[in-house]
Amino acid sequence: MPLALRQPLVTLSAAVLLLMSALVPPAQAADEAKLREYLEVTGFDVALESIRLSADSAPEMLGIEADAFGSEWSRLVSEVFATDIMHEMALTILGETLSDELLTHAADFYATDLGQRLVAVENDSHMEEEDGLKTESGAAIMQGLERIDSPRIDLLERLTTATDADGASLRAIQEVQVRFLMAAAAAGVIELQMDEPDLREAMRSQEDEMRTALAASALTNAAYTYQAFSDAEVEAYAEALEDPRMQEVYALMNAVQYEIMANRFEAVAARLSDMQPSTDL
């Protein structure tokens, strides 16, 4: 399941509560057994697990190298980003917010032959370590498509737009960073030189550049991930994602994913104050 946040993270917890009241009468909420099957058939379970791969960026945001903590860092990541913790958080929220109707609509698509093949490559892409090879390969594919003015570019753009129609992924990234930095400051790990409003304003001043970079990155990633699929299959996927019901599903799923990410980064910040840089012998 390709995920790009469609709800601003600024008030994400409130947004989830609003979705609870607006989308799902309690009697129609999906049960836990269906939700667990849903996580697997859509690949959302792997998307959540892949949040752990973003953990190494946490110390870098504070000007610290993750390697400085030695084995302590690996232990912290495995505990804070434990798959079962993140899955339970998702199940708790989705159990109150995702209607059985929307769950069935999304699950039915991803359970098809095309859907399962898409999930397989998306799962692989989610869990692939970013060593530069994926980015380079995706960029090379895009360059080739641009040279021949391929109509596939438009299809890939439809695909990436459908998962982030209101461009909220940028605000999500900013909010995760702000929440992490504020939590780190509260824990005494760092001393911020500006207050929260100034920090947000500084990030807003870089939005145009970041938005362009994110759009290019999304296209590159899509070109790499779906390279084995025909144009017709990519178009069919874009049409499925553009369906209003799937848009509702993605609005919720992306909000859940980024709320969990922000929550886990805050947990990391709280525990960093008890850690000291070390050297493994």
C-alpha atoms as a PDB file:
ATOM      1  CA  MET A   1       0.000   0.000   0.000  1.00  0.00           C
ATOM      2  CA  PRO A   2       1.736   3.217  -1.117  1.00  0.00           C
ATOM      3  CA  LEU A   3       1.338   5.678   1.715  1.00  0.00           C
ATOM      4  CA  ALA A   4       1.578   9.445   1.657  1.00  0.00           C
ATOM      5  CA  LEU A   5      -0.177  11.415   4.350  1.00  0.00           C
ATOM      6  CA  ARG A   6      -3.401  13.107   3.308  1.00  0.00           C
ATOM      7  CA  GLN A   7      -4.185  14.764   6.640  1.00  0.00           C
ATOM      8  CA  PRO A   8      -2.105  17.556   8.204  1.00  0.00           C
ATOM      9  CA  LEU A   9      -0.193  16.228  11.193  1.00  0.00           C
ATOM     10  CA  VAL A  10      -0.473  19.541  13.032  1.00  0.00           C
ATOM     11  CA  THR A  11      -3.588  18.303  14.811  1.00  0.00           C
ATOM     12  CA  LEU A  12      -3.369  14.680  13.837  1.00  0.00           C
ATOM     13  CA  SER A  13      -4.749  13.222  17.033  1.00  0.00           C
ATOM     14  CA  ALA A  14      -7.733  15.545  16.725  1.00  0.00           C
ATOM     15  CA  ALA A  15      -8.062  14.602  13.063  1.00  0.00           C
ATOM     16  CA  VAL A  16      -8.267  10.933  13.987  1.00  0.00           C
ATOM     17  CA  LEU A  17     -10.995  11.719  16.517  1.00  0.00           C
ATOM     18  CA  LEU A  18     -12.912  13.668  13.891  1.00  0.00           C
ATOM     19  CA  LEU A  19     -12.649  10.748  11.501  1.00  0.00           C
ATOM     20  CA  MET A  20     -13.971   8.490  14.253  1.00  0.00           C
ATOM     21  CA  SER A  21     -17.119  10.549  14.617  1.00  0.00           C
ATOM     22  CA  ALA A  22     -17.587  11.492  10.974  1.00  0.00           C
ATOM     23  CA  LEU A  23     -16.873   8.232   9.187  1.00  0.00           C
ATOM     24  CA  VAL A  24     -17.832   5.343  11.398  1.00  0.00           C
ATOM     25  CA  PRO A  25     -20.949   4.721  13.445  1.00  0.00           C
ATOM     26  CA  PRO A  26     -19.770   2.240  16.137  1.00  0.00           C
ATOM     27  CA  ALA A  27     -22.136  -0.489  14.954  1.00  0.00           C
ATOM     28  CA  GLN A  28     -20.423  -0.486  11.558  1.00  0.00           C
ATOM     29  CA  ALA A  29     -16.824  -0.541  12.753  1.00  0.00           C
ATOM     30  CA  ALA A  30     -14.722  -3.435  11.502  1.00  0.00           C
ATOM     31  CA  ASP A  31     -13.901  -6.175  14.017  1.00  0.00           C
ATOM     32  CA  GLU A  32     -10.331  -7.027  15.036  1.00  0.00           C
ATOM     33  CA  ALA A  33     -10.103 -10.264  13.066  1.00  0.00           C
ATOM     34  CA  LYS A  34     -11.052  -8.472   9.861  1.00  0.00           C
ATOM     35  CA  LEU A  35      -8.644  -5.662  10.667  1.00  0.00           C
ATOM     36  CA  ARG A  36      -5.719  -8.044  11.097  1.00  0.00           C
ATOM     37  CA  GLU A  37      -6.532  -9.661   7.750  1.00  0.00           C
ATOM     38  CA  TYR A  38      -6.863  -6.202   6.235  1.00  0.00           C
ATOM     39  CA  LEU A  39      -3.409  -5.143   7.433  1.00  0.00           C
ATOM     40  CA  GLU A  40      -1.896  -8.159   5.722  1.00  0.00           C
ATOM     41  CA  VAL A  41      -3.840  -8.160   2.454  1.00  0.00           C
ATOM     42  CA  THR A  42      -3.205  -4.451   1.854  1.00  0.00           C
ATOM     43  CA  GLY A  43       0.425  -4.530   2.987  1.00  0.00           C
ATOM     44  CA  PHE A  44      -0.256  -1.914   5.651  1.00  0.00           C
ATOM     45  CA  ASP A  45       1.370  -4.202   8.226  1.00  0.00           C
ATOM     46  CA  VAL A  46       4.666  -3.992   6.337  1.00  0.00           C
ATOM     47  CA  ALA A  47       4.264  -0.249   5.776  1.00  0.00           C
ATOM     48  CA  LEU A  48       4.020   0.167   9.551  1.00  0.00           C
ATOM     49  CA  GLU A  49       7.006  -2.098  10.139  1.00  0.00           C
ATOM     50  CA  SER A  50       9.055  -0.008   7.712  1.00  0.00           C
ATOM     51  CA  ILE A  51       8.701   3.001  10.029  1.00  0.00           C
ATOM     52  CA  ARG A  52      11.576   1.419  11.951  1.00  0.00           C
ATOM     53  CA  LEU A  53      13.875   2.062   8.982  1.00  0.00           C
ATOM     54  CA  SER A  54      13.391   5.806   9.443  1.00  0.00           C
ATOM     55  CA  ALA A  55      14.710   5.636  13.007  1.00  0.00           C
ATOM     56  CA  ASP A  56      18.329   6.309  12.083  1.00  0.00           C
ATOM     57  CA  SER A  57      17.319   9.802  10.977  1.00  0.00           C
ATOM     58  CA  ALA A  58      16.301  10.637  14.556  1.00  0.00           C
ATOM     59  CA  PRO A  59      19.799  11.263  16.006  1.00  0.00           C
ATOM     60  CA  GLU A  60      20.806  13.074  12.818  1.00  0.00           C
ATOM     61  CA  MET A  61      18.030  15.614  13.420  1.00  0.00           C
ATOM     62  CA  LEU A  62      19.709  16.294  16.762  1.00  0.00           C
ATOM     63  CA  GLY A  63      23.204  16.492  15.306  1.00  0.00           C
ATOM     64  CA  ILE A  64      24.192  13.087  16.711  1.00  0.00           C
ATOM     65  CA  GLU A  65      25.340  10.023  14.804  1.00  0.00           C
ATOM     66  CA  ALA A  66      23.339   6.879  15.576  1.00  0.00           C
ATOM     67  CA  ASP A  67      26.592   4.884  15.604  1.00  0.00           C
ATOM     68  CA  ALA A  68      27.745   6.924  18.591  1.00  0.00           C
ATOM     69  CA  PHE A  69      25.357   4.962  20.802  1.00  0.00           C
ATOM     70  CA  GLY A  70      26.697   1.587  19.701  1.00  0.00           C
ATOM     71  CA  SER A  71      24.491  -1.398  20.482  1.00  0.00           C
ATOM     72  CA  GLU A  72      22.322   0.762  22.756  1.00  0.00           C
ATOM     73  CA  TRP A  73      20.820   2.428  19.712  1.00  0.00           C
ATOM     74  CA  SER A  74      19.911  -0.854  18.044  1.00  0.00           C
ATOM     75  CA  ARG A  75      18.289  -2.027  21.261  1.00  0.00           C
ATOM     76  CA  LEU A  76      16.337   1.221  21.620  1.00  0.00           C
ATOM     77  CA  VAL A  77      15.054   1.029  18.041  1.00  0.00           C
ATOM     78  CA  SER A  78      14.004  -2.607  18.383  1.00  0.00           C
ATOM     79  CA  GLU A  79      12.058  -1.789  21.551  1.00  0.00           C
ATOM     80  CA  VAL A  80      10.428   1.510  20.591  1.00  0.00           C
ATOM     81  CA  PHE A  81       9.649   0.502  17.007  1.00  0.00           C
ATOM     82  CA  ALA A  82       8.611  -3.053  17.850  1.00  0.00           C
ATOM     83  CA  THR A  83       6.262  -4.326  15.171  1.00  0.00           C
ATOM     84  CA  ASP A  84       3.662  -5.601  17.630  1.00  0.00           C
ATOM     85  CA  ILE A  85       3.465  -2.212  19.362  1.00  0.00           C
ATOM     86  CA  MET A  86       2.878  -0.359  16.099  1.00  0.00           C
ATOM     87  CA  HIS A  87       0.372  -2.940  14.877  1.00  0.00           C
ATOM     88  CA  GLU A  88      -1.606  -2.724  18.111  1.00  0.00           C
ATOM     89  CA  MET A  89      -1.657   1.071  17.898  1.00  0.00           C
ATOM     90  CA  ALA A  90      -2.995   0.831  14.351  1.00  0.00           C
ATOM     91  CA  LEU A  91      -5.604  -1.765  15.291  1.00  0.00           C
ATOM     92  CA  THR A  92      -6.807   0.364  18.200  1.00  0.00           C
ATOM     93  CA  ILE A  93      -7.317   3.453  16.040  1.00  0.00           C
ATOM     94  CA  LEU A  94      -8.689   1.622  13.021  1.00  0.00           C
ATOM     95  CA  GLY A  95     -11.063  -0.369  15.194  1.00  0.00           C
ATOM     96  CA  GLU A  96     -12.768   2.924  16.043  1.00  0.00           C
ATOM     97  CA  THR A  97     -12.472   4.656  12.685  1.00  0.00           C
ATOM     98  CA  LEU A  98     -12.471   2.297   9.704  1.00  0.00           C
ATOM     99  CA  SER A  99     -15.939   1.222   8.650  1.00  0.00           C
ATOM    100  CA  ASP A 100     -16.585  -2.303   7.474  1.00  0.00           C
ATOM    101  CA  GLU A 101     -17.769  -0.887   4.143  1.00  0.00           C
ATOM    102  CA  LEU A 102     -14.518   0.958   3.446  1.00  0.00           C
ATOM    103  CA  LEU A 103     -12.414  -1.930   4.730  1.00  0.00           C
ATOM    104  CA  THR A 104     -14.187  -4.321   2.374  1.00  0.00           C
ATOM    105  CA  HIS A 105     -13.809  -1.980  -0.593  1.00  0.00           C
ATOM    106  CA  ALA A 106     -10.048  -1.610  -0.137  1.00  0.00           C
ATOM    107  CA  ALA A 107      -9.459  -5.249   0.801  1.00  0.00           C
ATOM    108  CA  ASP A 108     -11.413  -6.482  -2.224  1.00  0.00           C
ATOM    109  CA  PHE A 109      -9.146  -4.556  -4.584  1.00  0.00           C
ATOM    110  CA  TYR A 110      -5.899  -5.607  -2.936  1.00  0.00           C
ATOM    111  CA  ALA A 111      -7.066  -9.239  -2.787  1.00  0.00           C
ATOM    112  CA  THR A 112      -7.227  -9.415  -6.595  1.00  0.00           C
ATOM    113  CA  ASP A 113      -4.345 -10.846  -8.602  1.00  0.00           C
ATOM    114  CA  LEU A 114      -3.216  -7.341  -9.573  1.00  0.00           C
ATOM    115  CA  GLY A 115      -3.651  -6.099  -6.023  1.00  0.00           C
ATOM    116  CA  GLN A 116      -1.552  -8.874  -4.519  1.00  0.00           C
ATOM    117  CA  ARG A 117       1.220  -8.382  -7.072  1.00  0.00           C
ATOM    118  CA  LEU A 118       1.206  -4.675  -6.247  1.00  0.00           C
ATOM    119  CA  VAL A 119       1.368  -5.382  -2.517  1.00  0.00           C
ATOM    120  CA  ALA A 120       4.294  -7.758  -3.033  1.00  0.00           C
ATOM    121  CA  VAL A 121       6.456  -5.143  -4.769  1.00  0.00           C
ATOM    122  CA  GLU A 122       5.337  -2.399  -2.381  1.00  0.00           C
ATOM    123  CA  ASN A 123       6.290  -4.545   0.609  1.00  0.00           C
ATOM    124  CA  ASP A 124       9.721  -5.153  -0.906  1.00  0.00           C
ATOM    125  CA  SER A 125      10.140  -1.448  -1.600  1.00  0.00           C
ATOM    126  CA  HIS A 126       9.071  -0.460   1.924  1.00  0.00           C
ATOM    127  CA  MET A 127      11.624  -2.765   3.545  1.00  0.00           C
ATOM    128  CA  GLU A 128      14.505  -2.093   1.158  1.00  0.00           C
ATOM    129  CA  GLU A 129      17.338  -0.249   2.856  1.00  0.00           C
ATOM    130  CA  GLU A 130      17.984   3.086   1.173  1.00  0.00           C
ATOM    131  CA  ASP A 131      21.597   2.726   0.076  1.00  0.00           C
ATOM    132  CA  GLY A 132      21.181   4.922  -2.980  1.00  0.00           C
ATOM    133  CA  LEU A 133      20.649   2.060  -5.424  1.00  0.00           C
ATOM    134  CA  LYS A 134      16.856   2.315  -5.428  1.00  0.00           C
ATOM    135  CA  THR A 135      16.968   6.071  -5.939  1.00  0.00           C
ATOM    136  CA  GLU A 136      19.557   5.798  -8.703  1.00  0.00           C
ATOM    137  CA  SER A 137      17.617   3.044 -10.457  1.00  0.00           C
ATOM    138  CA  GLY A 138      14.349   4.955 -10.231  1.00  0.00           C
ATOM    139  CA  ALA A 139      15.995   8.129 -11.512  1.00  0.00           C
ATOM    140  CA  ALA A 140      17.470   6.224 -14.460  1.00  0.00           C
ATOM    141  CA  ILE A 141      14.028   4.830 -15.315  1.00  0.00           C
ATOM    142  CA  MET A 142      12.495   8.313 -15.166  1.00  0.00           C
ATOM    143  CA  GLN A 143      15.230   9.729 -17.389  1.00  0.00           C
ATOM    144  CA  GLY A 144      14.560   7.013 -19.943  1.00  0.00           C
ATOM    145  CA  LEU A 145      10.831   7.715 -19.883  1.00  0.00           C
ATOM    146  CA  GLU A 146      11.441  11.444 -20.287  1.00  0.00           C
ATOM    147  CA  ARG A 147      13.741  10.902 -23.274  1.00  0.00           C
ATOM    148  CA  ILE A 148      10.978   9.157 -25.196  1.00  0.00           C
ATOM    149  CA  ASP A 149       8.225  11.369 -23.771  1.00  0.00           C
ATOM    150  CA  SER A 150       6.478   8.260 -22.488  1.00  0.00           C
ATOM    151  CA  PRO A 151       2.805   8.483 -21.463  1.00  0.00           C
ATOM    152  CA  ARG A 152       3.782   6.335 -18.474  1.00  0.00           C
ATOM    153  CA  ILE A 153       5.038   9.491 -16.755  1.00  0.00           C
ATOM    154  CA  ASP A 154       1.488  10.842 -16.610  1.00  0.00           C
ATOM    155  CA  LEU A 155       0.281   7.528 -15.185  1.00  0.00           C
ATOM    156  CA  LEU A 156       2.932   7.579 -12.467  1.00  0.00           C
ATOM    157  CA  GLU A 157       2.020  11.174 -11.649  1.00  0.00           C
ATOM    158  CA  ARG A 158      -1.628  10.152 -11.299  1.00  0.00           C
ATOM    159  CA  LEU A 159      -0.542   7.372  -8.976  1.00  0.00           C
ATOM    160  CA  THR A 160       1.535   9.596  -6.704  1.00  0.00           C
ATOM    161  CA  THR A 161      -1.073  12.359  -6.728  1.00  0.00           C
ATOM    162  CA  ALA A 162      -3.816   9.935  -5.721  1.00  0.00           C
ATOM    163  CA  THR A 163      -1.931   9.032  -2.541  1.00  0.00           C
ATOM    164  CA  ASP A 164      -1.277  12.662  -1.606  1.00  0.00           C
ATOM    165  CA  ALA A 165      -3.981  14.664  -3.362  1.00  0.00           C
ATOM    166  CA  ASP A 166      -3.790  17.672  -1.041  1.00  0.00           C
ATOM    167  CA  GLY A 167      -0.001  17.631  -0.684  1.00  0.00           C
ATOM    168  CA  ALA A 168      -0.166  16.950   3.032  1.00  0.00           C
ATOM    169  CA  SER A 169       2.889  14.672   3.157  1.00  0.00           C
ATOM    170  CA  LEU A 170       5.099  17.752   3.435  1.00  0.00           C
ATOM    171  CA  ARG A 171       3.186  18.977   6.471  1.00  0.00           C
ATOM    172  CA  ALA A 172       3.399  15.475   7.914  1.00  0.00           C
ATOM    173  CA  ILE A 173       7.180  15.417   7.667  1.00  0.00           C
ATOM    174  CA  GLN A 174       7.385  18.854   9.239  1.00  0.00           C
ATOM    175  CA  GLU A 175       5.110  17.842  12.085  1.00  0.00           C
ATOM    176  CA  VAL A 176       7.044  14.662  12.848  1.00  0.00           C
ATOM    177  CA  GLN A 177      10.216  16.756  13.013  1.00  0.00           C
ATOM    178  CA  VAL A 178       8.647  19.418  15.235  1.00  0.00           C
ATOM    179  CA  ARG A 179       7.146  16.897  17.636  1.00  0.00           C
ATOM    180  CA  PHE A 180      10.439  15.030  17.854  1.00  0.00           C
ATOM    181  CA  LEU A 181      12.531  18.155  18.428  1.00  0.00           C
ATOM    182  CA  MET A 182      10.126  19.512  21.036  1.00  0.00           C
ATOM    183  CA  ALA A 183      10.079  16.154  22.838  1.00  0.00           C
ATOM    184  CA  ALA A 184      13.886  16.015  22.760  1.00  0.00           C
ATOM    185  CA  ALA A 185      14.075  19.525  24.205  1.00  0.00           C
ATOM    186  CA  ALA A 186      11.568  18.651  26.925  1.00  0.00           C
ATOM    187  CA  ALA A 187      13.667  15.601  27.820  1.00  0.00           C
ATOM    188  CA  GLY A 188      16.797  17.741  28.077  1.00  0.00           C
ATOM    189  CA  VAL A 189      18.514  16.015  25.161  1.00  0.00           C
ATOM    190  CA  ILE A 190      18.949  19.264  23.219  1.00  0.00           C
ATOM    191  CA  GLU A 191      18.525  22.960  23.848  1.00  0.00           C
ATOM    192  CA  LEU A 192      16.538  24.634  21.095  1.00  0.00           C
ATOM    193  CA  GLN A 193      17.636  28.089  20.010  1.00  0.00           C
ATOM    194  CA  MET A 194      14.101  29.028  18.955  1.00  0.00           C
ATOM    195  CA  ASP A 195      10.623  28.437  20.286  1.00  0.00           C
ATOM    196  CA  GLU A 196       8.039  26.251  18.560  1.00  0.00           C
ATOM    197  CA  PRO A 197       6.336  28.987  16.464  1.00  0.00           C
ATOM    198  CA  ASP A 198       9.712  30.149  15.125  1.00  0.00           C
ATOM    199  CA  LEU A 199      10.702  26.552  14.390  1.00  0.00           C
ATOM    200  CA  ARG A 200       7.532  26.030  12.376  1.00  0.00           C
ATOM    201  CA  GLU A 201       8.073  29.303  10.525  1.00  0.00           C
ATOM    202  CA  ALA A 202      11.632  28.297   9.640  1.00  0.00           C
ATOM    203  CA  MET A 203      10.314  25.062   8.169  1.00  0.00           C
ATOM    204  CA  ARG A 204       7.590  26.889   6.241  1.00  0.00           C
ATOM    205  CA  SER A 205      10.233  29.082   4.616  1.00  0.00           C
ATOM    206  CA  GLN A 206      11.694  25.950   2.993  1.00  0.00           C
ATOM    207  CA  GLU A 207       8.385  24.471   1.837  1.00  0.00           C
ATOM    208  CA  ASP A 208       8.673  25.193  -1.893  1.00  0.00           C
ATOM    209  CA  GLU A 209      12.054  23.510  -2.168  1.00  0.00           C
ATOM    210  CA  MET A 210      10.954  20.561  -0.052  1.00  0.00           C
ATOM    211  CA  ARG A 211       7.687  20.130  -1.970  1.00  0.00           C
ATOM    212  CA  THR A 212       9.570  19.939  -5.268  1.00  0.00           C
ATOM    213  CA  ALA A 213      12.017  17.421  -3.820  1.00  0.00           C
ATOM    214  CA  LEU A 214       9.218  15.278  -2.383  1.00  0.00           C
ATOM    215  CA  ALA A 215       7.327  15.207  -5.687  1.00  0.00           C
ATOM    216  CA  ALA A 216      10.455  14.165  -7.568  1.00  0.00           C
ATOM    217  CA  SER A 217      11.244  11.524  -4.955  1.00  0.00           C
ATOM    218  CA  ALA A 218       7.711  10.111  -5.129  1.00  0.00           C
ATOM    219  CA  LEU A 219       7.918   9.773  -8.913  1.00  0.00           C
ATOM    220  CA  THR A 220      11.348   8.167  -8.739  1.00  0.00           C
ATOM    221  CA  ASN A 221      10.155   5.695  -6.134  1.00  0.00           C
ATOM    222  CA  ALA A 222       7.030   4.856  -8.146  1.00  0.00           C
ATOM    223  CA  ALA A 223       9.054   4.354 -11.327  1.00  0.00           C
ATOM    224  CA  TYR A 224      11.299   1.902  -9.488  1.00  0.00           C
ATOM    225  CA  THR A 225       8.597   0.081  -7.531  1.00  0.00           C
ATOM    226  CA  TYR A 226       6.182  -0.494 -10.435  1.00  0.00           C
ATOM    227  CA  GLN A 227       8.708  -1.031 -13.231  1.00  0.00           C
ATOM    228  CA  ALA A 228       7.508  -4.596 -13.877  1.00  0.00           C
ATOM    229  CA  PHE A 229       3.885  -3.527 -14.392  1.00  0.00           C
ATOM    230  CA  SER A 230       2.382  -2.611 -17.741  1.00  0.00           C
ATOM    231  CA  ASP A 231       0.975   0.836 -18.461  1.00  0.00           C
ATOM    232  CA  ALA A 232      -2.521  -0.658 -18.388  1.00  0.00           C
ATOM    233  CA  GLU A 233      -1.919  -2.113 -14.928  1.00  0.00           C
ATOM    234  CA  VAL A 234      -0.520   1.160 -13.588  1.00  0.00           C
ATOM    235  CA  GLU A 235      -3.540   2.977 -15.004  1.00  0.00           C
ATOM    236  CA  ALA A 236      -5.890   0.460 -13.387  1.00  0.00           C
ATOM    237  CA  TYR A 237      -4.156   1.060 -10.058  1.00  0.00           C
ATOM    238  CA  ALA A 238      -4.409   4.829 -10.446  1.00  0.00           C
ATOM    239  CA  GLU A 239      -8.130   4.524 -11.162  1.00  0.00           C
ATOM    240  CA  ALA A 240      -8.592   2.344  -8.081  1.00  0.00           C
ATOM    241  CA  LEU A 241      -6.781   4.864  -5.877  1.00  0.00           C
ATOM    242  CA  GLU A 242      -8.779   7.764  -7.321  1.00  0.00           C
ATOM    243  CA  ASP A 243     -12.077   6.170  -6.296  1.00  0.00           C
ATOM    244  CA  PRO A 244     -13.698   8.369  -3.588  1.00  0.00           C
ATOM    245  CA  ARG A 245     -13.988   5.395  -1.235  1.00  0.00           C
ATOM    246  CA  MET A 246     -10.301   4.574  -1.588  1.00  0.00           C
ATOM    247  CA  GLN A 247      -9.520   8.236  -1.011  1.00  0.00           C
ATOM    248  CA  GLU A 248     -11.354   8.005   2.321  1.00  0.00           C
ATOM    249  CA  VAL A 249      -9.384   4.896   3.202  1.00  0.00           C
ATOM    250  CA  TYR A 250      -6.090   6.593   2.399  1.00  0.00           C
ATOM    251  CA  ALA A 251      -7.017   9.709   4.344  1.00  0.00           C
ATOM    252  CA  LEU A 252      -7.386   7.532   7.413  1.00  0.00           C
ATOM    253  CA  MET A 253      -4.543   5.080   6.800  1.00  0.00           C
ATOM    254  CA  ASN A 254      -2.022   7.830   6.160  1.00  0.00           C
ATOM    255  CA  ALA A 255      -3.142   9.738   9.237  1.00  0.00           C
ATOM    256  CA  VAL A 256      -2.731   6.580  11.305  1.00  0.00           C
ATOM    257  CA  GLN A 257       0.709   5.813   9.880  1.00  0.00           C
ATOM    258  CA  TYR A 258       2.114   9.258  10.555  1.00  0.00           C
ATOM    259  CA  GLU A 259       0.531   9.519  13.991  1.00  0.00           C
ATOM    260  CA  ILE A 260       2.292   6.273  14.905  1.00  0.00           C
ATOM    261  CA  MET A 261       5.555   7.568  13.444  1.00  0.00           C
ATOM    262  CA  ALA A 262       5.344  10.819  15.406  1.00  0.00           C
ATOM    263  CA  ASN A 263       4.383   8.942  18.578  1.00  0.00           C
ATOM    264  CA  ARG A 264       7.333   6.564  18.265  1.00  0.00           C
ATOM    265  CA  PHE A 265       9.791   9.390  17.559  1.00  0.00           C
ATOM    266  CA  GLU A 266       8.547  11.140  20.690  1.00  0.00           C
ATOM    267  CA  ALA A 267       9.171   7.911  22.610  1.00  0.00           C
ATOM    268  CA  VAL A 268      12.717   7.814  21.239  1.00  0.00           C
ATOM    269  CA  ALA A 269      13.308  11.394  22.379  1.00  0.00           C
ATOM    270  CA  ALA A 270      12.114  10.599  25.888  1.00  0.00           C
ATOM    271  CA  ARG A 271      14.541   7.689  26.175  1.00  0.00           C
ATOM    272  CA  LEU A 272      17.560   9.374  24.600  1.00  0.00           C
ATOM    273  CA  SER A 273      18.116  11.359  27.786  1.00  0.00           C
ATOM    274  CA  ASP A 274      19.031   8.096  29.549  1.00  0.00           C
ATOM    275  CA  MET A 275      21.522   7.035  26.882  1.00  0.00           C
ATOM    276  CA  GLN A 276      25.163   7.962  26.544  1.00  0.00           C
ATOM    277  CA  PRO A 277      27.338   7.674  23.440  1.00  0.00           C
ATOM    278  CA  SER A 278      29.332   4.457  23.698  1.00  0.00           C
ATOM    279  CA  THR A 279      31.882   2.327  21.917  1.00  0.00           C
ATOM    280  CA  ASP A 280      31.318  -1.367  21.350  1.00  0.00           C
ATOM    281  CA  LEU A 281      34.399  -3.426  22.122  1.00  0.00           C
END
